[in-house]
Amino acid sequence: MTGRTDQHGNSRSHTDIPESPIYVTMKDQFMSNWGTAAGLTNRLVVLCETWMVGAAVARRATDREEMSRITITSHRPAHHFQTLYSWTDSLTWTAHDPAGTGPSAA
C-alpha cells in the first residue's frame, strides 16, 4: 500500500488495490459523487480467486441497477481520472445474495 488508503479501504490510486488473480470492476452509480467520493466516480473492484468466481460476481453485478461498466480481467485496473477505487473480496461482496448467484453457485 502506498499510504493513500482511507479508513474505509478507499483510494484515489489504482496502485493501492491489492494483488488478486482476477478483478471484477464496475462503476457504482449509487456510491459516486457523495461522501468520500464527492465529485468522483466510485469504481468498485471485487477481488476474485478464479475466473469462475469472477463470472459469478459479474453476473450478480449485472442484476444490480446501480452497477455499470462491468469488466473481468486478470490485470490490476488502470488509473482513471477523477476516480475513487473501493475494493472487497468476492465472499464479502456476495455474502447477502438472496438470488443465489454468488461464487458458490458458479
C-alpha atoms as a PDB file:
ATOM      1  CA  MET A   1       0.000   0.000   0.000  1.00  0.00           C
ATOM      2  CA  THR A   2       1.155   3.498  -0.691  1.00  0.00           C
ATOM      3  CA  GLY A   3      -0.428   5.114   2.352  1.00  0.00           C
ATOM      4  CA  ARG A   4      -3.178   6.898   0.398  1.00  0.00           C
ATOM      5  CA  THR A   5      -5.877   4.467   1.506  1.00  0.00           C
ATOM      6  CA  ASP A   6      -8.519   5.985   3.795  1.00  0.00           C
ATOM      7  CA  GLN A   7     -10.028   4.353   6.883  1.00  0.00           C
ATOM      8  CA  HIS A   8     -12.636   2.558   4.748  1.00  0.00           C
ATOM      9  CA  GLY A   9     -10.199   0.974   2.255  1.00  0.00           C
ATOM     10  CA  ASN A  10     -10.822   3.539  -0.496  1.00  0.00           C
ATOM     11  CA  SER A  11      -8.068   5.152  -2.522  1.00  0.00           C
ATOM     12  CA  ARG A  12      -7.631   7.591  -5.409  1.00  0.00           C
ATOM     13  CA  SER A  13      -4.717   5.444  -6.656  1.00  0.00           C
ATOM     14  CA  HIS A  14      -5.226   2.217  -8.572  1.00  0.00           C
ATOM     15  CA  THR A  15      -1.836   1.026  -7.298  1.00  0.00           C
ATOM     16  CA  ASP A  16      -3.304   0.649  -3.789  1.00  0.00           C
ATOM     17  CA  ILE A  17      -5.651  -2.117  -4.968  1.00  0.00           C
ATOM     18  CA  PRO A  18      -4.368  -5.431  -3.543  1.00  0.00           C
ATOM     19  CA  GLU A  19      -2.961  -8.136  -5.818  1.00  0.00           C
ATOM     20  CA  SER A  20      -5.501 -10.688  -6.992  1.00  0.00           C
ATOM     21  CA  PRO A  21      -5.657 -13.383  -9.687  1.00  0.00           C
ATOM     22  CA  ILE A  22      -8.906 -11.898 -11.089  1.00  0.00           C
ATOM     23  CA  TYR A  23     -10.510  -8.455 -10.785  1.00  0.00           C
ATOM     24  CA  VAL A  24     -14.159  -7.667 -11.471  1.00  0.00           C
ATOM     25  CA  THR A  25     -14.574  -3.906 -11.789  1.00  0.00           C
ATOM     26  CA  MET A  26     -17.717  -1.829 -12.056  1.00  0.00           C
ATOM     27  CA  LYS A  27     -18.877   1.761 -11.765  1.00  0.00           C
ATOM     28  CA  ASP A  28     -21.003   2.113  -8.648  1.00  0.00           C
ATOM     29  CA  GLN A  29     -23.539   4.803  -9.531  1.00  0.00           C
ATOM     30  CA  PHE A  30     -25.021   4.821  -6.006  1.00  0.00           C
ATOM     31  CA  MET A  31     -21.732   5.486  -4.192  1.00  0.00           C
ATOM     32  CA  SER A  32     -20.398   8.001  -6.735  1.00  0.00           C
ATOM     33  CA  ASN A  33     -20.448  11.762  -6.096  1.00  0.00           C
ATOM     34  CA  TRP A  34     -21.061  11.777  -2.350  1.00  0.00           C
ATOM     35  CA  GLY A  35     -19.220  11.114   0.906  1.00  0.00           C
ATOM     36  CA  THR A  36     -15.626  10.051   0.293  1.00  0.00           C
ATOM     37  CA  ALA A  37     -16.379  10.007  -3.441  1.00  0.00           C
ATOM     38  CA  ALA A  38     -17.760  13.568  -3.575  1.00  0.00           C
ATOM     39  CA  GLY A  39     -17.007  14.861  -7.065  1.00  0.00           C
ATOM     40  CA  LEU A  40     -15.615  11.475  -8.092  1.00  0.00           C
ATOM     41  CA  THR A  41     -16.700   8.267  -9.773  1.00  0.00           C
ATOM     42  CA  ASN A  42     -16.656   5.297  -7.394  1.00  0.00           C
ATOM     43  CA  ARG A  43     -15.126   2.262  -9.122  1.00  0.00           C
ATOM     44  CA  LEU A  44     -15.801  -0.907  -7.133  1.00  0.00           C
ATOM     45  CA  VAL A  45     -13.217  -3.661  -7.537  1.00  0.00           C
ATOM     46  CA  VAL A  46     -14.085  -7.182  -6.396  1.00  0.00           C
ATOM     47  CA  LEU A  47     -11.016  -9.385  -5.861  1.00  0.00           C
ATOM     48  CA  CYS A  48     -11.642 -12.955  -7.059  1.00  0.00           C
ATOM     49  CA  GLU A  49      -9.615 -16.162  -6.840  1.00  0.00           C
ATOM     50  CA  THR A  50     -10.768 -17.729 -10.130  1.00  0.00           C
ATOM     51  CA  TRP A  51     -12.378 -16.820 -13.459  1.00  0.00           C
ATOM     52  CA  MET A  52     -15.420 -18.861 -12.428  1.00  0.00           C
ATOM     53  CA  VAL A  53     -15.901 -16.796  -9.282  1.00  0.00           C
ATOM     54  CA  GLY A  54     -15.296 -13.622 -11.302  1.00  0.00           C
ATOM     55  CA  ALA A  55     -18.000 -14.646 -13.777  1.00  0.00           C
ATOM     56  CA  ALA A  56     -20.453 -15.257 -10.911  1.00  0.00           C
ATOM     57  CA  VAL A  57     -19.658 -11.844  -9.402  1.00  0.00           C
ATOM     58  CA  ALA A  58     -20.112 -10.165 -12.802  1.00  0.00           C
ATOM     59  CA  ARG A  59     -23.492 -11.896 -13.281  1.00  0.00           C
ATOM     60  CA  ARG A  60     -24.580 -10.647  -9.860  1.00  0.00           C
ATOM     61  CA  ALA A  61     -23.394  -7.129 -10.706  1.00  0.00           C
ATOM     62  CA  THR A  62     -25.441  -7.041 -13.912  1.00  0.00           C
ATOM     63  CA  ASP A  63     -28.563  -7.677 -11.799  1.00  0.00           C
ATOM     64  CA  ARG A  64     -27.886  -4.543  -9.749  1.00  0.00           C
ATOM     65  CA  GLU A  65     -29.179  -1.360 -11.367  1.00  0.00           C
ATOM     66  CA  GLU A  66     -26.575   0.853  -9.658  1.00  0.00           C
ATOM     67  CA  MET A  67     -23.690  -1.042 -11.294  1.00  0.00           C
ATOM     68  CA  SER A  68     -22.468  -0.303 -14.822  1.00  0.00           C
ATOM     69  CA  ARG A  69     -19.359  -0.763 -16.980  1.00  0.00           C
ATOM     70  CA  ILE A  70     -18.687  -4.241 -15.531  1.00  0.00           C
ATOM     71  CA  THR A  71     -15.417  -5.887 -16.598  1.00  0.00           C
ATOM     72  CA  ILE A  72     -13.464  -9.018 -15.690  1.00  0.00           C
ATOM     73  CA  THR A  73      -9.685  -9.055 -16.060  1.00  0.00           C
ATOM     74  CA  SER A  74      -6.525 -10.648 -14.745  1.00  0.00           C
ATOM     75  CA  HIS A  75      -4.787  -7.242 -14.709  1.00  0.00           C
ATOM     76  CA  ARG A  76      -4.984  -4.662 -11.964  1.00  0.00           C
ATOM     77  CA  PRO A  77      -7.384  -1.910 -13.067  1.00  0.00           C
ATOM     78  CA  ALA A  78      -5.766   1.044 -14.815  1.00  0.00           C
ATOM     79  CA  HIS A  79      -5.842   4.584 -13.483  1.00  0.00           C
ATOM     80  CA  HIS A  80      -8.938   6.624 -14.334  1.00  0.00           C
ATOM     81  CA  PHE A  81      -9.079  10.384 -13.772  1.00  0.00           C
ATOM     82  CA  GLN A  82     -11.468  11.574 -11.007  1.00  0.00           C
ATOM     83  CA  THR A  83     -11.996   8.039  -9.677  1.00  0.00           C
ATOM     84  CA  LEU A  84     -12.147   6.663  -6.158  1.00  0.00           C
ATOM     85  CA  TYR A  85     -11.368   2.946  -6.010  1.00  0.00           C
ATOM     86  CA  SER A  86     -13.129   0.777  -3.437  1.00  0.00           C
ATOM     87  CA  TRP A  87     -12.414  -2.906  -3.163  1.00  0.00           C
ATOM     88  CA  THR A  88     -13.620  -6.029  -1.445  1.00  0.00           C
ATOM     89  CA  ASP A  89     -13.268  -9.770  -1.844  1.00  0.00           C
ATOM     90  CA  SER A  90     -15.850 -11.902  -3.635  1.00  0.00           C
ATOM     91  CA  LEU A  91     -17.124 -13.619  -0.471  1.00  0.00           C
ATOM     92  CA  THR A  92     -17.817 -10.316   1.271  1.00  0.00           C
ATOM     93  CA  TRP A  93     -19.480  -8.794  -1.807  1.00  0.00           C
ATOM     94  CA  THR A  94     -21.815 -11.744  -2.366  1.00  0.00           C
ATOM     95  CA  ALA A  95     -22.477 -12.559   1.314  1.00  0.00           C
ATOM     96  CA  HIS A  96     -26.031 -11.179   1.155  1.00  0.00           C
ATOM     97  CA  ASP A  97     -27.040 -12.760  -2.127  1.00  0.00           C
ATOM     98  CA  PRO A  98     -30.686 -13.853  -1.976  1.00  0.00           C
ATOM     99  CA  ALA A  99     -30.647 -14.756  -5.688  1.00  0.00           C
ATOM    100  CA  GLY A 100     -28.081 -17.480  -5.007  1.00  0.00           C
ATOM    101  CA  THR A 101     -25.754 -16.265  -7.741  1.00  0.00           C
ATOM    102  CA  GLY A 102     -22.677 -15.889  -5.557  1.00  0.00           C
ATOM    103  CA  PRO A 103     -19.364 -17.673  -6.108  1.00  0.00           C
ATOM    104  CA  SER A 104     -20.607 -20.993  -4.761  1.00  0.00           C
ATOM    105  CA  ALA A 105     -23.314 -21.023  -7.436  1.00  0.00           C
ATOM    106  CA  ALA A 106     -20.721 -20.899 -10.238  1.00  0.00           C
END
